[in-house]
């Protein structure tokens, strides 16, 4: 399993990292090129900006469940999900989500490998 620090040095696939509240703290250049978001317009935004509206309830439920139990149900294995580009398109991507504690707070990282162009 890749650490969040290792994710920040990944350049060949899109990477996104959020803080314990779900606000985006890092995107790499591959994420910017693939999804069209510039770092200055997406950093500090809630993760839901890249999650289709139809997935919001499931995302909030899963995030709340993990926060309470600290037991992952969707992490550390590939998931086929849609992701939202800067211009509002939804593209199918393989998501690999991981989490680690830093200074007593959970941080989350994801590789979002597009499955369509």
Protein backbone atom coordinates (compact mmCIF):
# COMPACT_ATOMS: atom_id res chain seq x y z
CA UNK A 1 0.00 0.00 0.00
CA UNK A 2 1.31 3.42 -0.98
CA UNK A 3 1.70 6.14 1.66
CA UNK A 4 0.23 9.59 1.14
CA UNK A 5 3.77 10.97 0.87
CA UNK A 6 4.50 8.47 -1.91
CA UNK A 7 1.27 9.51 -3.64
CA UNK A 8 2.46 13.14 -3.74
CA UNK A 9 5.47 12.09 -5.80
CA UNK A 10 3.43 10.02 -8.28
CA UNK A 11 3.37 11.66 -11.69
CA UNK A 12 2.06 9.03 -14.13
CA UNK A 13 -1.52 8.75 -12.80
CA UNK A 14 -3.99 11.31 -11.39
CA UNK A 15 -3.71 11.68 -7.60
CA UNK A 16 -5.89 13.61 -5.16
CA UNK A 17 -5.44 13.97 -1.37
CA UNK A 18 -7.93 15.33 1.18
CA UNK A 19 -7.78 16.26 4.82
CA UNK A 20 -9.85 14.69 7.62
CA UNK A 21 -12.84 16.86 6.72
CA UNK A 22 -12.82 15.94 3.04
CA UNK A 23 -11.27 19.15 1.70
CA UNK A 24 -8.81 18.74 -1.16
CA UNK A 25 -5.23 19.50 -0.10
CA UNK A 26 -3.25 18.14 -3.06
CA UNK A 27 -3.65 17.26 -6.73
CA UNK A 28 -0.79 16.29 -9.01
CA UNK A 29 -0.15 17.46 -12.55
CA UNK A 30 -1.63 14.25 -14.01
CA UNK A 31 -4.90 14.97 -12.15
CA UNK A 32 -4.91 18.52 -13.48
CA UNK A 33 -4.26 17.36 -17.06
CA UNK A 34 -6.83 14.55 -16.96
CA UNK A 35 -9.67 16.26 -15.10
CA UNK A 36 -9.03 19.86 -16.19
CA UNK A 37 -8.86 21.35 -12.70
CA UNK A 38 -6.03 23.76 -11.94
CA UNK A 39 -4.60 23.41 -8.44
CA UNK A 40 -5.53 26.98 -7.46
CA UNK A 41 -9.23 26.39 -8.27
CA UNK A 42 -9.60 22.98 -6.59
CA UNK A 43 -7.37 23.14 -3.50
CA UNK A 44 -9.51 23.82 -0.45
CA UNK A 45 -12.68 22.65 -2.20
CA UNK A 46 -14.74 19.77 -0.80
CA UNK A 47 -14.10 16.41 -2.40
CA UNK A 48 -17.71 16.40 -3.61
CA UNK A 49 -16.73 18.75 -6.48
CA UNK A 50 -15.24 15.72 -8.24
CA UNK A 51 -17.98 13.29 -7.14
CA UNK A 52 -21.14 13.10 -9.25
CA UNK A 53 -24.22 14.41 -7.43
CA UNK A 54 -25.83 10.97 -7.59
CA UNK A 55 -22.94 9.61 -5.45
CA UNK A 56 -23.02 12.34 -2.77
CA UNK A 57 -25.29 10.51 -0.29
CA UNK A 58 -23.24 7.30 -0.54
CA UNK A 59 -20.03 9.28 -0.13
CA UNK A 60 -21.28 11.10 2.98
CA UNK A 61 -22.55 7.86 4.50
CA UNK A 62 -19.28 6.04 3.88
CA UNK A 63 -17.20 8.96 5.14
CA UNK A 64 -19.30 9.20 8.33
CA UNK A 65 -19.11 5.41 8.85
CA UNK A 66 -15.33 5.42 8.53
CA UNK A 67 -15.01 8.42 10.85
CA UNK A 68 -17.02 6.61 13.54
CA UNK A 69 -15.64 3.09 13.16
CA UNK A 70 -12.22 3.61 11.51
CA UNK A 71 -13.01 0.38 9.65
CA UNK A 72 -12.65 0.76 5.87
CA UNK A 73 -15.14 -0.90 3.56
CA UNK A 74 -14.08 0.50 0.16
CA UNK A 75 -10.40 1.31 0.66
CA UNK A 76 -7.33 -0.43 -0.64
CA UNK A 77 -8.91 -2.12 -3.63
CA UNK A 78 -9.88 -0.80 -7.08
CA UNK A 79 -13.36 0.69 -7.57
CA UNK A 80 -14.96 1.65 -10.87
CA UNK A 81 -16.62 5.03 -10.26
CA UNK A 82 -17.44 8.17 -12.14
CA UNK A 83 -15.50 11.39 -11.49
CA UNK A 84 -16.39 14.95 -12.48
CA UNK A 85 -14.09 17.02 -14.67
CA UNK A 86 -13.70 20.78 -14.36
CA UNK A 87 -16.15 21.31 -17.25
CA UNK A 88 -18.80 19.10 -15.61
CA UNK A 89 -18.33 15.93 -17.64
CA UNK A 90 -18.42 12.61 -15.80
CA UNK A 91 -15.78 10.07 -16.76
CA UNK A 92 -15.41 6.47 -15.64
CA UNK A 93 -12.29 5.98 -13.56
CA UNK A 94 -10.68 3.27 -11.50
CA UNK A 95 -10.33 4.70 -8.00
CA UNK A 96 -7.91 3.32 -5.44
CA UNK A 97 -8.55 5.02 -2.11
CA UNK A 98 -6.30 4.86 0.92
CA UNK A 99 -6.16 6.54 4.33
CA UNK A 100 -3.56 7.15 6.99
CA UNK A 101 -3.38 9.01 10.23
CA UNK A 102 -1.22 12.11 10.44
CA UNK A 103 -0.98 14.03 13.71
CA UNK A 104 -4.04 12.16 15.02
CA UNK A 105 -6.23 13.00 12.03
CA UNK A 106 -7.21 10.77 9.11
CA UNK A 107 -6.04 11.91 5.69
CA UNK A 108 -7.26 10.32 2.46
CA UNK A 109 -5.61 9.81 -0.88
CA UNK A 110 -6.84 8.41 -4.17
CA UNK A 111 -5.48 7.42 -7.52
CA UNK A 112 -8.15 8.10 -10.17
CA UNK A 113 -7.06 6.25 -13.30
CA UNK A 114 -9.42 7.16 -16.20
CA UNK A 115 -10.95 4.19 -18.01
CA UNK A 116 -12.23 6.28 -20.91
CA UNK A 117 -10.96 9.38 -22.66
